[in-house]
Amino acid sequence: MAFVNFIIYTILIVEIILIIYLRKEVISLFIGLLGKKKEKPEEQKSQYEEVRSYILKELNKGCAYEQISESLLKVGWTREMIDSVISDIISRKRY
């Protein structure tokens, strides 16, 4: 019985240490479970314009879409946002 209590206390202590050490990740997990905060349309438009501006600047330097896309992914932009902007740029170039 003492061994079982020891194991339970050890597990609890490890969980507490992990929660303290990884508190940002735990908080973001709970926020994600409770529902993501919706971005305002103005914020989405601003982010879209920021990505669009960067992509156009890099295209003018001669970079390829794949290279630009990978760079944006590495700094945290979503694949959805990047693909949306790139497809918009490509469709506008056709006309």
PDB file of N, CA and C in Angstrom:
ATOM      1  N   MET A   1       0.819  -1.193   0.000  1.00  0.00           N
ATOM      2  CA  MET A   1       0.000   0.000   0.000  1.00  0.00           C
ATOM      3  C   MET A   1       0.868   1.264   0.000  1.00  0.00           C
ATOM      4  N   ALA A   2       1.955   1.229   0.745  1.00  0.00           N
ATOM      5  CA  ALA A   2       2.846   2.381   0.816  1.00  0.00           C
ATOM      6  C   ALA A   2       3.485   2.653  -0.551  1.00  0.00           C
ATOM      7  N   PHE A   3       3.785   1.570  -1.269  1.00  0.00           N
ATOM      8  CA  PHE A   3       4.381   1.734  -2.593  1.00  0.00           C
ATOM      9  C   PHE A   3       3.402   2.389  -3.561  1.00  0.00           C
ATOM     10  N   VAL A   4       2.140   2.011  -3.498  1.00  0.00           N
ATOM     11  CA  VAL A   4       1.115   2.594  -4.355  1.00  0.00           C
ATOM     12  C   VAL A   4       0.959   4.082  -4.048  1.00  0.00           C
ATOM     13  N   ASN A   5       0.940   4.430  -2.764  1.00  0.00           N
ATOM     14  CA  ASN A   5       0.857   5.841  -2.375  1.00  0.00           C
ATOM     15  C   ASN A   5       2.068   6.621  -2.887  1.00  0.00           C
ATOM     16  N   PHE A   6       3.235   6.018  -2.800  1.00  0.00           N
ATOM     17  CA  PHE A   6       4.452   6.660  -3.285  1.00  0.00           C
ATOM     18  C   PHE A   6       4.343   6.951  -4.786  1.00  0.00           C
ATOM     19  N   ILE A   7       3.872   5.972  -5.553  1.00  0.00           N
ATOM     20  CA  ILE A   7       3.725   6.131  -7.002  1.00  0.00           C
ATOM     21  C   ILE A   7       2.713   7.239  -7.308  1.00  0.00           C
ATOM     22  N   ILE A   8       1.584   7.255  -6.602  1.00  0.00           N
ATOM     23  CA  ILE A   8       0.562   8.274  -6.829  1.00  0.00           C
ATOM     24  C   ILE A   8       1.110   9.662  -6.522  1.00  0.00           C
ATOM     25  N   TYR A   9       1.810   9.817  -5.393  1.00  0.00           N
ATOM     26  CA  TYR A   9       2.384  11.119  -5.035  1.00  0.00           C
ATOM     27  C   TYR A   9       3.439  11.548  -6.051  1.00  0.00           C
ATOM     28  N   THR A  10       4.231  10.602  -6.534  1.00  0.00           N
ATOM     29  CA  THR A  10       5.258  10.915  -7.522  1.00  0.00           C
ATOM     30  C   THR A  10       4.616  11.404  -8.820  1.00  0.00           C
ATOM     31  N   ILE A  11       3.578  10.729  -9.246  1.00  0.00           N
ATOM     32  CA  ILE A  11       2.880  11.141 -10.464  1.00  0.00           C
ATOM     33  C   ILE A  11       2.286  12.539 -10.292  1.00  0.00           C
ATOM     34  N   LEU A  12       1.675  12.798  -9.152  1.00  0.00           N
ATOM     35  CA  LEU A  12       1.102  14.123  -8.896  1.00  0.00           C
ATOM     36  C   LEU A  12       2.163  15.212  -8.914  1.00  0.00           C
ATOM     37  N   ILE A  13       3.294  14.946  -8.294  1.00  0.00           N
ATOM     38  CA  ILE A  13       4.376  15.932  -8.259  1.00  0.00           C
ATOM     39  C   ILE A  13       4.895  16.205  -9.668  1.00  0.00           C
ATOM     40  N   VAL A  14       5.078  15.158 -10.459  1.00  0.00           N
ATOM     41  CA  VAL A  14       5.551  15.326 -11.832  1.00  0.00           C
ATOM     42  C   VAL A  14       4.529  16.128 -12.645  1.00  0.00           C
ATOM     43  N   GLU A  15       3.232  15.835 -12.475  1.00  0.00           N
ATOM     44  CA  GLU A  15       2.204  16.593 -13.189  1.00  0.00           C
ATOM     45  C   GLU A  15       2.219  18.063 -12.794  1.00  0.00           C
ATOM     46  N   ILE A  16       2.367  18.351 -11.522  1.00  0.00           N
ATOM     47  CA  ILE A  16       2.410  19.738 -11.059  1.00  0.00           C
ATOM     48  C   ILE A  16       3.620  20.458 -11.639  1.00  0.00           C
ATOM     49  N   ILE A  17       4.760  19.798 -11.645  1.00  0.00           N
ATOM     50  CA  ILE A  17       5.969  20.403 -12.205  1.00  0.00           C
ATOM     51  C   ILE A  17       5.780  20.670 -13.696  1.00  0.00           C
ATOM     52  N   LEU A  18       5.193  19.719 -14.415  1.00  0.00           N
ATOM     53  CA  LEU A  18       4.958  19.914 -15.845  1.00  0.00           C
ATOM     54  C   LEU A  18       3.971  21.049 -16.108  1.00  0.00           C
ATOM     55  N   ILE A  19       2.926  21.133 -15.296  1.00  0.00           N
ATOM     56  CA  ILE A  19       1.956  22.215 -15.473  1.00  0.00           C
ATOM     57  C   ILE A  19       2.620  23.567 -15.234  1.00  0.00           C
ATOM     58  N   ILE A  20       3.448  23.656 -14.211  1.00  0.00           N
ATOM     59  CA  ILE A  20       4.147  24.914 -13.935  1.00  0.00           C
ATOM     60  C   ILE A  20       5.118  25.241 -15.070  1.00  0.00           C
ATOM     61  N   TYR A  21       5.879  24.247 -15.509  1.00  0.00           N
ATOM     62  CA  TYR A  21       6.872  24.464 -16.547  1.00  0.00           C
ATOM     63  C   TYR A  21       6.231  24.765 -17.899  1.00  0.00           C
ATOM     64  N   LEU A  22       5.132  24.106 -18.188  1.00  0.00           N
ATOM     65  CA  LEU A  22       4.480  24.248 -19.496  1.00  0.00           C
ATOM     66  C   LEU A  22       3.174  25.030 -19.392  1.00  0.00           C
ATOM     67  N   ARG A  23       3.107  25.995 -18.492  1.00  0.00           N
ATOM     68  CA  ARG A  23       1.840  26.686 -18.227  1.00  0.00           C
ATOM     69  C   ARG A  23       1.287  27.411 -19.449  1.00  0.00           C
ATOM     70  N   LYS A  24       2.135  27.988 -20.283  1.00  0.00           N
ATOM     71  CA  LYS A  24       1.642  28.676 -21.478  1.00  0.00           C
ATOM     72  C   LYS A  24       0.955  27.692 -22.418  1.00  0.00           C
ATOM     73  N   GLU A  25       1.577  26.530 -22.608  1.00  0.00           N
ATOM     74  CA  GLU A  25       0.988  25.524 -23.475  1.00  0.00           C
ATOM     75  C   GLU A  25      -0.307  24.984 -22.891  1.00  0.00           C
ATOM     76  N   VAL A  26      -0.351  24.805 -21.562  1.00  0.00           N
ATOM     77  CA  VAL A  26      -1.561  24.308 -20.912  1.00  0.00           C
ATOM     78  C   VAL A  26      -2.685  25.325 -21.048  1.00  0.00           C
ATOM     79  N   ILE A  27      -2.376  26.590 -20.841  1.00  0.00           N
ATOM     80  CA  ILE A  27      -3.394  27.637 -20.959  1.00  0.00           C
ATOM     81  C   ILE A  27      -3.916  27.711 -22.387  1.00  0.00           C
ATOM     82  N   SER A  28      -3.014  27.663 -23.366  1.00  0.00           N
ATOM     83  CA  SER A  28      -3.466  27.727 -24.755  1.00  0.00           C
ATOM     84  C   SER A  28      -4.279  26.489 -25.123  1.00  0.00           C
ATOM     85  N   LEU A  29      -3.961  25.339 -24.521  1.00  0.00           N
ATOM     86  CA  LEU A  29      -4.752  24.135 -24.757  1.00  0.00           C
ATOM     87  C   LEU A  29      -6.170  24.310 -24.235  1.00  0.00           C
ATOM     88  N   PHE A  30      -6.298  24.842 -23.015  1.00  0.00           N
ATOM     89  CA  PHE A  30      -7.626  25.064 -22.450  1.00  0.00           C
ATOM     90  C   PHE A  30      -8.408  26.096 -23.261  1.00  0.00           C
ATOM     91  N   ILE A  31      -7.746  27.136 -23.708  1.00  0.00           N
ATOM     92  CA  ILE A  31      -8.414  28.145 -24.525  1.00  0.00           C
ATOM     93  C   ILE A  31      -8.877  27.509 -25.838  1.00  0.00           C
ATOM     94  N   GLY A  32      -8.039  26.664 -26.419  1.00  0.00           N
ATOM     95  CA  GLY A  32      -8.412  25.970 -27.645  1.00  0.00           C
ATOM     96  C   GLY A  32      -9.592  25.040 -27.438  1.00  0.00           C
ATOM     97  N   LEU A  33      -9.644  24.379 -26.285  1.00  0.00           N
ATOM     98  CA  LEU A  33     -10.753  23.483 -26.004  1.00  0.00           C
ATOM     99  C   LEU A  33     -12.051  24.238 -25.758  1.00  0.00           C
ATOM    100  N   LEU A  34     -11.945  25.428 -25.194  1.00  0.00           N
ATOM    101  CA  LEU A  34     -13.138  26.215 -24.893  1.00  0.00           C
ATOM    102  C   LEU A  34     -13.671  26.952 -26.118  1.00  0.00           C
ATOM    103  N   GLY A  35     -12.876  27.029 -27.139  1.00  0.00           N
ATOM    104  CA  GLY A  35     -13.313  27.718 -28.356  1.00  0.00           C
ATOM    105  C   GLY A  35     -12.311  28.785 -28.724  1.00  0.00           C
ATOM    106  N   LYS A  36     -11.964  28.778 -29.969  1.00  0.00           N
ATOM    107  CA  LYS A  36     -10.976  29.753 -30.429  1.00  0.00           C
ATOM    108  C   LYS A  36     -11.593  31.134 -30.496  1.00  0.00           C
ATOM    109  N   LYS A  37     -10.755  32.107 -30.199  1.00  0.00           N
ATOM    110  CA  LYS A  37     -11.171  33.494 -30.297  1.00  0.00           C
ATOM    111  C   LYS A  37     -11.239  33.862 -31.774  1.00  0.00           C
ATOM    112  N   LYS A  38     -12.356  34.360 -32.177  1.00  0.00           N
ATOM    113  CA  LYS A  38     -12.542  34.756 -33.574  1.00  0.00           C
ATOM    114  C   LYS A  38     -11.825  36.077 -33.827  1.00  0.00           C
ATOM    115  N   GLU A  39     -11.143  36.133 -34.954  1.00  0.00           N
ATOM    116  CA  GLU A  39     -10.483  37.379 -35.324  1.00  0.00           C
ATOM    117  C   GLU A  39     -11.498  38.313 -35.967  1.00  0.00           C
ATOM    118  N   LYS A  40     -11.305  39.559 -35.727  1.00  0.00           N
ATOM    119  CA  LYS A  40     -12.168  40.560 -36.350  1.00  0.00           C
ATOM    120  C   LYS A  40     -11.814  40.658 -37.826  1.00  0.00           C
ATOM    121  N   PRO A  41     -12.795  40.986 -38.656  1.00  0.00           N
ATOM    122  CA  PRO A  41     -12.510  41.108 -40.098  1.00  0.00           C
ATOM    123  C   PRO A  41     -11.389  42.088 -40.402  1.00  0.00           C
ATOM    124  N   GLU A  42     -11.285  43.173 -39.615  1.00  0.00           N
ATOM    125  CA  GLU A  42     -10.211  44.143 -39.853  1.00  0.00           C
ATOM    126  C   GLU A  42      -8.842  43.512 -39.610  1.00  0.00           C
ATOM    127  N   GLU A  43      -8.753  42.669 -38.567  1.00  0.00           N
ATOM    128  CA  GLU A  43      -7.487  42.008 -38.267  1.00  0.00           C
ATOM    129  C   GLU A  43      -7.125  41.027 -39.378  1.00  0.00           C
ATOM    130  N   GLN A  44      -8.117  40.296 -39.883  1.00  0.00           N
ATOM    131  CA  GLN A  44      -7.869  39.356 -40.967  1.00  0.00           C
ATOM    132  C   GLN A  44      -7.392  40.092 -42.214  1.00  0.00           C
ATOM    133  N   LYS A  45      -8.036  41.208 -42.519  1.00  0.00           N
ATOM    134  CA  LYS A  45      -7.657  41.991 -43.691  1.00  0.00           C
ATOM    135  C   LYS A  45      -6.246  42.534 -43.534  1.00  0.00           C
ATOM    136  N   SER A  46      -5.924  43.012 -42.341  1.00  0.00           N
ATOM    137  CA  SER A  46      -4.594  43.540 -42.068  1.00  0.00           C
ATOM    138  C   SER A  46      -3.541  42.451 -42.237  1.00  0.00           C
ATOM    139  N   GLN A  47      -3.818  41.257 -41.708  1.00  0.00           N
ATOM    140  CA  GLN A  47      -2.876  40.143 -41.843  1.00  0.00           C
ATOM    141  C   GLN A  47      -2.734  39.731 -43.300  1.00  0.00           C
ATOM    142  N   TYR A  48      -3.849  39.694 -44.007  1.00  0.00           N
ATOM    143  CA  TYR A  48      -3.839  39.350 -45.427  1.00  0.00           C
ATOM    144  C   TYR A  48      -2.956  40.323 -46.198  1.00  0.00           C
ATOM    145  N   GLU A  49      -3.125  41.610 -45.931  1.00  0.00           N
ATOM    146  CA  GLU A  49      -2.331  42.626 -46.625  1.00  0.00           C
ATOM    147  C   GLU A  49      -0.851  42.516 -46.270  1.00  0.00           C
ATOM    148  N   GLU A  50      -0.563  42.174 -45.028  1.00  0.00           N
ATOM    149  CA  GLU A  50       0.829  42.017 -44.607  1.00  0.00           C
ATOM    150  C   GLU A  50       1.492  40.862 -45.365  1.00  0.00           C
ATOM    151  N   VAL A  51       0.789  39.726 -45.450  1.00  0.00           N
ATOM    152  CA  VAL A  51       1.328  38.569 -46.174  1.00  0.00           C
ATOM    153  C   VAL A  51       1.437  38.886 -47.659  1.00  0.00           C
ATOM    154  N   ARG A  52       0.432  39.523 -48.221  1.00  0.00           N
ATOM    155  CA  ARG A  52       0.419  39.876 -49.649  1.00  0.00           C
ATOM    156  C   ARG A  52       1.600  40.792 -49.988  1.00  0.00           C
ATOM    157  N   SER A  53       1.810  41.787 -49.148  1.00  0.00           N
ATOM    158  CA  SER A  53       2.902  42.727 -49.368  1.00  0.00           C
ATOM    159  C   SER A  53       4.253  42.009 -49.349  1.00  0.00           C
ATOM    160  N   TYR A  54       4.422  41.106 -48.383  1.00  0.00           N
ATOM    161  CA  TYR A  54       5.679  40.358 -48.274  1.00  0.00           C
ATOM    162  C   TYR A  54       5.888  39.478 -49.510  1.00  0.00           C
ATOM    163  N   ILE A  55       4.839  38.773 -49.920  1.00  0.00           N
ATOM    164  CA  ILE A  55       4.955  37.883 -51.069  1.00  0.00           C
ATOM    165  C   ILE A  55       5.311  38.676 -52.330  1.00  0.00           C
ATOM    166  N   LEU A  56       4.630  39.780 -52.550  1.00  0.00           N
ATOM    167  CA  LEU A  56       4.920  40.596 -53.740  1.00  0.00           C
ATOM    168  C   LEU A  56       6.350  41.124 -53.719  1.00  0.00           C
ATOM    169  N   LYS A  57       6.810  41.526 -52.537  1.00  0.00           N
ATOM    170  CA  LYS A  57       8.187  42.023 -52.415  1.00  0.00           C
ATOM    171  C   LYS A  57       9.182  40.915 -52.746  1.00  0.00           C
ATOM    172  N   GLU A  58       8.942  39.709 -52.243  1.00  0.00           N
ATOM    173  CA  GLU A  58       9.853  38.592 -52.494  1.00  0.00           C
ATOM    174  C   GLU A  58       9.791  38.130 -53.948  1.00  0.00           C
ATOM    175  N   LEU A  59       8.598  38.189 -54.557  1.00  0.00           N
ATOM    176  CA  LEU A  59       8.491  37.843 -55.974  1.00  0.00           C
ATOM    177  C   LEU A  59       9.287  38.819 -56.833  1.00  0.00           C
ATOM    178  N   ASN A  60       9.264  40.086 -56.468  1.00  0.00           N
ATOM    179  CA  ASN A  60      10.040  41.087 -57.207  1.00  0.00           C
ATOM    180  C   ASN A  60      11.538  40.852 -57.079  1.00  0.00           C
ATOM    181  N   LYS A  61      11.943  40.210 -55.999  1.00  0.00           N
ATOM    182  CA  LYS A  61      13.358  39.867 -55.823  1.00  0.00           C
ATOM    183  C   LYS A  61      13.739  38.629 -56.623  1.00  0.00           C
ATOM    184  N   GLY A  62      12.722  37.899 -57.131  1.00  0.00           N
ATOM    185  CA  GLY A  62      12.995  36.701 -57.925  1.00  0.00           C
ATOM    186  C   GLY A  62      12.816  35.397 -57.181  1.00  0.00           C
ATOM    187  N   CYS A  63      12.250  35.433 -56.001  1.00  0.00           N
ATOM    188  CA  CYS A  63      12.032  34.203 -55.229  1.00  0.00           C
ATOM    189  C   CYS A  63      10.851  33.419 -55.799  1.00  0.00           C
ATOM    190  N   ALA A  64      10.873  32.117 -55.599  1.00  0.00           N
ATOM    191  CA  ALA A  64       9.794  31.246 -56.054  1.00  0.00           C
ATOM    192  C   ALA A  64       8.696  31.182 -54.992  1.00  0.00           C
ATOM    193  N   TYR A  65       7.488  30.853 -55.441  1.00  0.00           N
ATOM    194  CA  TYR A  65       6.354  30.759 -54.522  1.00  0.00           C
ATOM    195  C   TYR A  65       6.615  29.751 -53.393  1.00  0.00           C
ATOM    196  N   GLU A  66       7.216  28.621 -53.742  1.00  0.00           N
ATOM    197  CA  GLU A  66       7.478  27.584 -52.740  1.00  0.00           C
ATOM    198  C   GLU A  66       8.428  28.090 -51.658  1.00  0.00           C
ATOM    199  N   GLN A  67       9.452  28.790 -52.069  1.00  0.00           N
ATOM    200  CA  GLN A  67      10.434  29.336 -51.128  1.00  0.00           C
ATOM    201  C   GLN A  67       9.775  30.369 -50.212  1.00  0.00           C
ATOM    202  N   ILE A  68       8.958  31.223 -50.788  1.00  0.00           N
ATOM    203  CA  ILE A  68       8.263  32.249 -50.009  1.00  0.00           C
ATOM    204  C   ILE A  68       7.300  31.596 -49.025  1.00  0.00           C
ATOM    205  N   SER A  69       6.576  30.599 -49.510  1.00  0.00           N
ATOM    206  CA  SER A  69       5.616  29.894 -48.676  1.00  0.00           C
ATOM    207  C   SER A  69       6.304  29.241 -47.468  1.00  0.00           C
ATOM    208  N   GLU A  70       7.417  28.583 -47.712  1.00  0.00           N
ATOM    209  CA  GLU A  70       8.163  27.939 -46.622  1.00  0.00           C
ATOM    210  C   GLU A  70       8.661  28.964 -45.604  1.00  0.00           C
ATOM    211  N   SER A  71       9.118  30.105 -46.091  1.00  0.00           N
ATOM    212  CA  SER A  71       9.583  31.162 -45.185  1.00  0.00           C
ATOM    213  C   SER A  71       8.451  31.664 -44.295  1.00  0.00           C
ATOM    214  N   LEU A  72       7.285  31.847 -44.889  1.00  0.00           N
ATOM    215  CA  LEU A  72       6.138  32.328 -44.114  1.00  0.00           C
ATOM    216  C   LEU A  72       5.663  31.287 -43.109  1.00  0.00           C
ATOM    217  N   LEU A  73       5.699  30.021 -43.498  1.00  0.00           N
ATOM    218  CA  LEU A  73       5.309  28.958 -42.563  1.00  0.00           C
ATOM    219  C   LEU A  73       6.250  28.904 -41.369  1.00  0.00           C
ATOM    220  N   LYS A  74       7.540  29.096 -41.627  1.00  0.00           N
ATOM    221  CA  LYS A  74       8.527  29.034 -40.547  1.00  0.00           C
ATOM    222  C   LYS A  74       8.324  30.117 -39.498  1.00  0.00           C
ATOM    223  N   VAL A  75       7.806  31.268 -39.915  1.00  0.00           N
ATOM    224  CA  VAL A  75       7.610  32.356 -38.952  1.00  0.00           C
ATOM    225  C   VAL A  75       6.209  32.365 -38.351  1.00  0.00           C
ATOM    226  N   GLY A  76       5.383  31.373 -38.729  1.00  0.00           N
ATOM    227  CA  GLY A  76       4.122  31.217 -38.033  1.00  0.00           C
ATOM    228  C   GLY A  76       2.840  31.520 -38.781  1.00  0.00           C
ATOM    229  N   TRP A  77       2.926  31.900 -40.048  1.00  0.00           N
ATOM    230  CA  TRP A  77       1.700  32.138 -40.810  1.00  0.00           C
ATOM    231  C   TRP A  77       1.069  30.807 -41.148  1.00  0.00           C
ATOM    232  N   THR A  78      -0.239  30.786 -41.281  1.00  0.00           N
ATOM    233  CA  THR A  78      -0.942  29.538 -41.573  1.00  0.00           C
ATOM    234  C   THR A  78      -0.881  29.226 -43.064  1.00  0.00           C
ATOM    235  N   ARG A  79      -0.908  27.943 -43.350  1.00  0.00           N
ATOM    236  CA  ARG A  79      -0.907  27.492 -44.751  1.00  0.00           C
ATOM    237  C   ARG A  79      -2.134  28.050 -45.469  1.00  0.00           C
ATOM    238  N   GLU A  80      -3.254  28.098 -44.768  1.00  0.00           N
ATOM    239  CA  GLU A  80      -4.498  28.609 -45.349  1.00  0.00           C
ATOM    240  C   GLU A  80      -4.340  30.063 -45.806  1.00  0.00           C
ATOM    241  N   MET A  81      -3.760  30.901 -44.955  1.00  0.00           N
ATOM    242  CA  MET A  81      -3.566  32.308 -45.289  1.00  0.00           C
ATOM    243  C   MET A  81      -2.608  32.447 -46.467  1.00  0.00           C
ATOM    244  N   ILE A  82      -1.510  31.721 -46.421  1.00  0.00           N
ATOM    245  CA  ILE A  82      -0.493  31.809 -47.470  1.00  0.00           C
ATOM    246  C   ILE A  82      -1.077  31.372 -48.819  1.00  0.00           C
ATOM    247  N   ASP A  83      -1.754  30.226 -48.829  1.00  0.00           N
ATOM    248  CA  ASP A  83      -2.330  29.719 -50.072  1.00  0.00           C
ATOM    249  C   ASP A  83      -3.393  30.668 -50.627  1.00  0.00           C
ATOM    250  N   SER A  84      -4.165  31.262 -49.740  1.00  0.00           N
ATOM    251  CA  SER A  84      -5.192  32.203 -50.168  1.00  0.00           C
ATOM    252  C   SER A  84      -4.575  33.406 -50.869  1.00  0.00           C
ATOM    253  N   VAL A  85      -3.536  33.956 -50.270  1.00  0.00           N
ATOM    254  CA  VAL A  85      -2.885  35.136 -50.854  1.00  0.00           C
ATOM    255  C   VAL A  85      -2.204  34.777 -52.172  1.00  0.00           C
ATOM    256  N   ILE A  86      -1.512  33.651 -52.201  1.00  0.00           N
ATOM    257  CA  ILE A  86      -0.811  33.254 -53.421  1.00  0.00           C
ATOM    258  C   ILE A  86      -1.799  33.017 -54.560  1.00  0.00           C
ATOM    259  N   SER A  87      -2.895  32.332 -54.276  1.00  0.00           N
ATOM    260  CA  SER A  87      -3.871  32.087 -55.348  1.00  0.00           C
ATOM    261  C   SER A  87      -4.494  33.395 -55.823  1.00  0.00           C
ATOM    262  N   ASP A  88      -4.691  34.341 -54.928  1.00  0.00           N
ATOM    263  CA  ASP A  88      -5.214  35.648 -55.313  1.00  0.00           C
ATOM    264  C   ASP A  88      -4.224  36.387 -56.205  1.00  0.00           C
ATOM    265  N   ILE A  89      -2.956  36.349 -55.846  1.00  0.00           N
ATOM    266  CA  ILE A  89      -1.919  37.020 -56.650  1.00  0.00           C
ATOM    267  C   ILE A  89      -1.840  36.390 -58.035  1.00  0.00           C
ATOM    268  N   ILE A  90      -1.875  35.062 -58.104  1.00  0.00           N
ATOM    269  CA  ILE A  90      -1.792  34.373 -59.393  1.00  0.00           C
ATOM    270  C   ILE A  90      -2.997  34.707 -60.258  1.00  0.00           C
ATOM    271  N   SER A  91      -4.181  34.699 -59.660  1.00  0.00           N
ATOM    272  CA  SER A  91      -5.382  34.989 -60.454  1.00  0.00           C
ATOM    273  C   SER A  91      -5.399  36.424 -60.936  1.00  0.00           C
ATOM    274  N   ARG A  92      -4.869  37.357 -60.158  1.00  0.00           N
ATOM    275  CA  ARG A  92      -4.832  38.763 -60.583  1.00  0.00           C
ATOM    276  C   ARG A  92      -3.807  38.998 -61.685  1.00  0.00           C
ATOM    277  N   LYS A  93      -2.741  38.212 -61.706  1.00  0.00           N
ATOM    278  CA  LYS A  93      -1.724  38.358 -62.747  1.00  0.00           C
ATOM    279  C   LYS A  93      -2.240  37.901 -64.104  1.00  0.00           C
ATOM    280  N   ARG A  94      -3.215  37.013 -64.110  1.00  0.00           N
ATOM    281  CA  ARG A  94      -3.753  36.499 -65.365  1.00  0.00           C
ATOM    282  C   ARG A  94      -4.546  37.555 -66.110  1.00  0.00           C
ATOM    283  N   TYR A  95      -5.089  38.529 -65.379  1.00  0.00           N
ATOM    284  CA  TYR A  95      -5.961  39.526 -66.016  1.00  0.00           C
ATOM    285  C   TYR A  95      -5.252  40.813 -66.238  1.00  0.00           C
TER     286      TYR A  95
END
